[in-house]
Amino acid sequence: MRVIALKTLRSFWLEAGHSDAEQALRAWHHEAREAEWRNPRDIKVRYPTASILPGNRVVFNIKGNKYRLVVAIKYDFNLVLIRFVGTHAQYDQVNAGEI
């Protein structure tokens, strides 16, 4: 899959207090780049705790569920768009189905 944009992930882990997310986000990014997700079932095979939302949104739990990562996936184009990465408190303030 093509993942857009690593810059969003990098910005998050460079923020004060989120450097502990770097390794987990880098690992997720690497796995997503190597993946060939054709539908939500493909994601659930590798990430059983991922939440599948309307609008081809997926919520991944990062670093033992300490952080949340929301992506929009265009399966036909093999494209993953990073829409949000943050703490649970930050996640609670967004509408994951619309971002």
N, C-alpha and C. Protein backbone atom coordinates (compact mmCIF):
# COMPACT_ATOMS: atom_id res chain seq x y z
N MET A 1 0.84 -1.17 0.00
CA MET A 1 0.00 0.00 0.00
C MET A 1 0.90 1.24 0.00
N ARG A 2 0.40 2.29 -0.62
CA ARG A 2 1.08 3.59 -0.52
C ARG A 2 0.49 4.29 0.70
N VAL A 3 1.36 4.73 1.59
CA VAL A 3 0.91 5.39 2.82
C VAL A 3 1.26 6.87 2.73
N ILE A 4 0.24 7.70 2.87
CA ILE A 4 0.41 9.15 2.84
C ILE A 4 -0.14 9.69 4.15
N ALA A 5 0.56 10.30 4.99
CA ALA A 5 1.90 10.81 4.86
C ALA A 5 2.68 10.47 6.14
N LEU A 6 3.86 9.94 5.93
CA LEU A 6 4.74 9.65 7.05
C LEU A 6 5.02 10.90 7.87
N LYS A 7 5.00 12.04 7.23
CA LYS A 7 5.26 13.31 7.92
C LYS A 7 4.29 13.51 9.09
N THR A 8 3.04 13.10 8.94
CA THR A 8 2.05 13.22 10.01
C THR A 8 2.47 12.38 11.21
N LEU A 9 2.90 11.16 10.96
CA LEU A 9 3.35 10.29 12.05
C LEU A 9 4.60 10.86 12.71
N ARG A 10 5.55 11.28 11.90
CA ARG A 10 6.80 11.83 12.42
C ARG A 10 6.53 13.06 13.29
N SER A 11 5.65 13.92 12.85
CA SER A 11 5.31 15.11 13.64
C SER A 11 4.75 14.71 15.00
N PHE A 12 3.96 13.67 15.03
CA PHE A 12 3.36 13.24 16.29
C PHE A 12 4.41 12.72 17.26
N TRP A 13 5.30 11.83 16.79
CA TRP A 13 6.26 11.26 17.74
C TRP A 13 7.33 12.25 18.16
N LEU A 14 7.53 13.31 17.39
CA LEU A 14 8.51 14.32 17.77
C LEU A 14 7.96 15.32 18.79
N GLU A 15 6.63 15.33 18.94
CA GLU A 15 6.03 16.22 19.94
C GLU A 15 6.46 15.76 21.33
N ALA A 16 6.57 16.71 22.24
CA ALA A 16 6.94 16.37 23.63
C ALA A 16 5.94 15.37 24.19
N GLY A 17 6.47 14.34 24.78
CA GLY A 17 5.62 13.35 25.43
C GLY A 17 5.15 12.22 24.55
N HIS A 18 5.46 12.25 23.23
CA HIS A 18 5.00 11.19 22.35
C HIS A 18 6.15 10.42 21.69
N SER A 19 7.35 10.64 22.14
CA SER A 19 8.49 9.94 21.54
C SER A 19 8.39 8.43 21.74
N ASP A 20 7.63 8.01 22.75
CA ASP A 20 7.45 6.58 22.98
C ASP A 20 6.61 5.91 21.88
N ALA A 21 5.96 6.69 21.05
CA ALA A 21 5.15 6.14 19.96
C ALA A 21 5.97 5.88 18.69
N GLU A 22 7.19 6.40 18.63
CA GLU A 22 7.97 6.32 17.38
C GLU A 22 8.13 4.89 16.88
N GLN A 23 8.62 3.99 17.70
CA GLN A 23 8.88 2.63 17.24
C GLN A 23 7.60 1.94 16.77
N ALA A 24 6.52 2.09 17.52
CA ALA A 24 5.26 1.46 17.14
C ALA A 24 4.70 2.05 15.84
N LEU A 25 4.79 3.36 15.68
CA LEU A 25 4.30 3.99 14.45
C LEU A 25 5.17 3.63 13.25
N ARG A 26 6.48 3.56 13.45
CA ARG A 26 7.36 3.14 12.35
C ARG A 26 7.05 1.70 11.94
N ALA A 27 6.81 0.84 12.93
CA ALA A 27 6.48 -0.56 12.63
C ALA A 27 5.16 -0.65 11.87
N TRP A 28 4.14 0.10 12.32
CA TRP A 28 2.86 0.09 11.62
C TRP A 28 3.05 0.59 10.18
N HIS A 29 3.80 1.68 10.00
CA HIS A 29 4.04 2.24 8.68
C HIS A 29 4.71 1.23 7.76
N HIS A 30 5.71 0.54 8.27
CA HIS A 30 6.41 -0.47 7.48
C HIS A 30 5.45 -1.59 7.07
N GLU A 31 4.67 -2.08 8.03
CA GLU A 31 3.73 -3.16 7.72
C GLU A 31 2.67 -2.71 6.72
N ALA A 32 2.17 -1.50 6.88
CA ALA A 32 1.14 -1.00 5.96
C ALA A 32 1.71 -0.86 4.54
N ARG A 33 2.95 -0.40 4.43
CA ARG A 33 3.57 -0.27 3.10
C ARG A 33 3.72 -1.63 2.42
N GLU A 34 3.98 -2.65 3.20
CA GLU A 34 4.16 -4.00 2.65
C GLU A 34 2.84 -4.73 2.41
N ALA A 35 1.77 -4.24 2.98
CA ALA A 35 0.47 -4.92 2.92
C ALA A 35 -0.17 -4.78 1.54
N GLU A 36 -1.10 -5.68 1.30
CA GLU A 36 -1.94 -5.63 0.10
C GLU A 36 -3.39 -5.78 0.54
N TRP A 37 -3.90 -4.76 1.22
CA TRP A 37 -5.26 -4.81 1.73
C TRP A 37 -6.24 -4.56 0.59
N ARG A 38 -7.11 -5.51 0.37
CA ARG A 38 -8.12 -5.38 -0.68
C ARG A 38 -9.50 -5.05 -0.11
N ASN A 39 -9.65 -5.28 1.21
CA ASN A 39 -10.92 -5.01 1.87
C ASN A 39 -10.68 -5.03 3.39
N PRO A 40 -11.68 -4.64 4.17
CA PRO A 40 -11.49 -4.59 5.62
C PRO A 40 -11.14 -5.94 6.26
N ARG A 41 -11.61 -7.03 5.68
CA ARG A 41 -11.28 -8.36 6.23
C ARG A 41 -9.77 -8.61 6.22
N ASP A 42 -9.09 -8.13 5.18
CA ASP A 42 -7.64 -8.29 5.11
C ASP A 42 -6.95 -7.58 6.28
N ILE A 43 -7.47 -6.45 6.66
CA ILE A 43 -6.91 -5.70 7.80
C ILE A 43 -7.15 -6.45 9.10
N LYS A 44 -8.36 -6.96 9.27
CA LYS A 44 -8.72 -7.64 10.52
C LYS A 44 -7.91 -8.92 10.73
N VAL A 45 -7.45 -9.54 9.66
CA VAL A 45 -6.61 -10.73 9.80
C VAL A 45 -5.33 -10.39 10.54
N ARG A 46 -4.70 -9.28 10.17
CA ARG A 46 -3.44 -8.87 10.80
C ARG A 46 -3.65 -8.05 12.06
N TYR A 47 -4.72 -7.25 12.09
CA TYR A 47 -5.00 -6.36 13.21
C TYR A 47 -6.42 -6.62 13.73
N PRO A 48 -6.61 -7.70 14.49
CA PRO A 48 -7.96 -8.05 14.95
C PRO A 48 -8.62 -6.99 15.84
N THR A 49 -7.84 -6.12 16.47
CA THR A 49 -8.44 -5.10 17.33
C THR A 49 -8.73 -3.80 16.58
N ALA A 50 -8.38 -3.73 15.31
CA ALA A 50 -8.68 -2.53 14.52
C ALA A 50 -10.20 -2.38 14.41
N SER A 51 -10.64 -1.13 14.43
CA SER A 51 -12.07 -0.84 14.28
C SER A 51 -12.32 -0.37 12.85
N ILE A 52 -13.27 -1.01 12.20
CA ILE A 52 -13.64 -0.64 10.84
C ILE A 52 -14.83 0.30 10.94
N LEU A 53 -14.69 1.49 10.37
CA LEU A 53 -15.73 2.51 10.43
C LEU A 53 -16.29 2.77 9.03
N PRO A 54 -17.46 3.41 8.97
CA PRO A 54 -17.98 3.80 7.65
C PRO A 54 -17.01 4.75 6.94
N GLY A 55 -17.17 4.85 5.64
CA GLY A 55 -16.32 5.74 4.86
C GLY A 55 -14.92 5.21 4.66
N ASN A 56 -14.76 3.87 4.75
CA ASN A 56 -13.45 3.23 4.59
C ASN A 56 -12.42 3.76 5.57
N ARG A 57 -12.88 4.11 6.77
CA ARG A 57 -11.98 4.54 7.84
C ARG A 57 -11.64 3.32 8.71
N VAL A 58 -10.42 3.31 9.20
CA VAL A 58 -9.97 2.25 10.11
C VAL A 58 -9.25 2.91 11.26
N VAL A 59 -9.54 2.44 12.48
CA VAL A 59 -8.87 2.93 13.68
C VAL A 59 -7.96 1.83 14.19
N PHE A 60 -6.67 2.14 14.27
CA PHE A 60 -5.68 1.20 14.78
C PHE A 60 -5.28 1.62 16.19
N ASN A 61 -5.12 0.64 17.06
CA ASN A 61 -4.59 0.89 18.40
C ASN A 61 -3.08 0.80 18.31
N ILE A 62 -2.41 1.81 18.80
CA ILE A 62 -0.95 1.90 18.70
C ILE A 62 -0.35 1.86 20.10
N LYS A 63 0.75 1.14 20.21
CA LYS A 63 1.52 1.04 21.46
C LYS A 63 0.64 0.56 22.60
N GLY A 64 0.10 -0.64 22.42
CA GLY A 64 -0.70 -1.23 23.49
C GLY A 64 -1.96 -0.43 23.79
N ASN A 65 -2.52 0.18 22.77
CA ASN A 65 -3.76 0.95 22.89
C ASN A 65 -3.57 2.29 23.59
N LYS A 66 -2.34 2.76 23.68
CA LYS A 66 -2.08 4.07 24.29
C LYS A 66 -2.45 5.20 23.34
N TYR A 67 -2.27 4.95 22.03
CA TYR A 67 -2.55 5.94 21.01
C TYR A 67 -3.52 5.37 19.99
N ARG A 68 -4.14 6.27 19.23
CA ARG A 68 -5.04 5.87 18.17
C ARG A 68 -4.57 6.46 16.84
N LEU A 69 -4.70 5.66 15.81
CA LEU A 69 -4.34 6.06 14.46
C LEU A 69 -5.56 5.83 13.58
N VAL A 70 -6.03 6.88 12.91
CA VAL A 70 -7.18 6.77 12.01
C VAL A 70 -6.69 6.99 10.60
N VAL A 71 -7.06 6.06 9.73
CA VAL A 71 -6.68 6.16 8.32
C VAL A 71 -7.93 6.02 7.45
N ALA A 72 -7.85 6.59 6.27
CA ALA A 72 -8.86 6.38 5.23
C ALA A 72 -8.17 5.54 4.16
N ILE A 73 -8.86 4.51 3.71
CA ILE A 73 -8.25 3.60 2.75
C ILE A 73 -9.03 3.63 1.44
N LYS A 74 -8.28 3.78 0.38
CA LYS A 74 -8.82 3.68 -0.99
C LYS A 74 -8.32 2.34 -1.53
N TYR A 75 -9.11 1.29 -1.30
CA TYR A 75 -8.68 -0.06 -1.66
C TYR A 75 -8.37 -0.19 -3.14
N ASP A 76 -9.17 0.44 -3.99
CA ASP A 76 -8.97 0.33 -5.43
C ASP A 76 -7.65 0.93 -5.91
N PHE A 77 -7.12 1.85 -5.13
CA PHE A 77 -5.87 2.53 -5.51
C PHE A 77 -4.69 2.13 -4.64
N ASN A 78 -4.89 1.14 -3.74
CA ASN A 78 -3.83 0.71 -2.82
C ASN A 78 -3.26 1.89 -2.04
N LEU A 79 -4.14 2.73 -1.51
CA LEU A 79 -3.74 3.98 -0.88
C LEU A 79 -4.28 4.06 0.54
N VAL A 80 -3.40 4.43 1.47
CA VAL A 80 -3.75 4.65 2.87
C VAL A 80 -3.44 6.11 3.19
N LEU A 81 -4.46 6.84 3.59
CA LEU A 81 -4.29 8.25 3.95
C LEU A 81 -4.38 8.39 5.46
N ILE A 82 -3.33 8.86 6.07
CA ILE A 82 -3.34 9.06 7.51
C ILE A 82 -4.18 10.30 7.80
N ARG A 83 -5.23 10.11 8.58
CA ARG A 83 -6.15 11.20 8.88
C ARG A 83 -5.96 11.76 10.28
N PHE A 84 -5.49 10.93 11.22
CA PHE A 84 -5.36 11.37 12.61
C PHE A 84 -4.43 10.42 13.35
N VAL A 85 -3.63 10.97 14.23
CA VAL A 85 -2.88 10.18 15.20
C VAL A 85 -2.87 10.99 16.49
N GLY A 86 -3.18 10.32 17.60
CA GLY A 86 -3.23 11.05 18.86
C GLY A 86 -3.51 10.15 20.04
N THR A 87 -3.62 10.78 21.19
CA THR A 87 -3.94 10.05 22.42
C THR A 87 -5.43 9.73 22.42
N HIS A 88 -5.85 8.92 23.39
CA HIS A 88 -7.27 8.62 23.52
C HIS A 88 -8.08 9.89 23.77
N ALA A 89 -7.56 10.77 24.60
CA ALA A 89 -8.27 12.02 24.90
C ALA A 89 -8.44 12.85 23.64
N GLN A 90 -7.40 12.93 22.82
CA GLN A 90 -7.50 13.67 21.56
C GLN A 90 -8.46 12.98 20.60
N TYR A 91 -8.41 11.66 20.56
CA TYR A 91 -9.30 10.88 19.69
C TYR A 91 -10.77 11.12 20.06
N ASP A 92 -11.03 11.23 21.35
CA ASP A 92 -12.41 11.46 21.80
C ASP A 92 -12.97 12.79 21.33
N GLN A 93 -12.11 13.70 20.90
CA GLN A 93 -12.54 15.03 20.46
C GLN A 93 -12.81 15.11 18.95
N VAL A 94 -12.55 14.04 18.23
CA VAL A 94 -12.73 14.05 16.77
C VAL A 94 -13.83 13.07 16.36
N ASN A 95 -14.36 13.27 15.19
CA ASN A 95 -15.30 12.34 14.61
C ASN A 95 -14.52 11.50 13.61
N ALA A 96 -14.11 10.31 14.05
CA ALA A 96 -13.23 9.48 13.23
C ALA A 96 -13.85 9.09 11.89
N GLY A 97 -15.16 9.04 11.82
CA GLY A 97 -15.81 8.69 10.58
C GLY A 97 -15.82 9.79 9.55
N GLU A 98 -15.47 11.01 9.96
CA GLU A 98 -15.53 12.14 9.03
C GLU A 98 -14.19 12.82 8.78
N ILE A 99 -13.20 12.56 9.61
CA ILE A 99 -11.91 13.24 9.41
C ILE A 99 -11.15 12.64 8.25
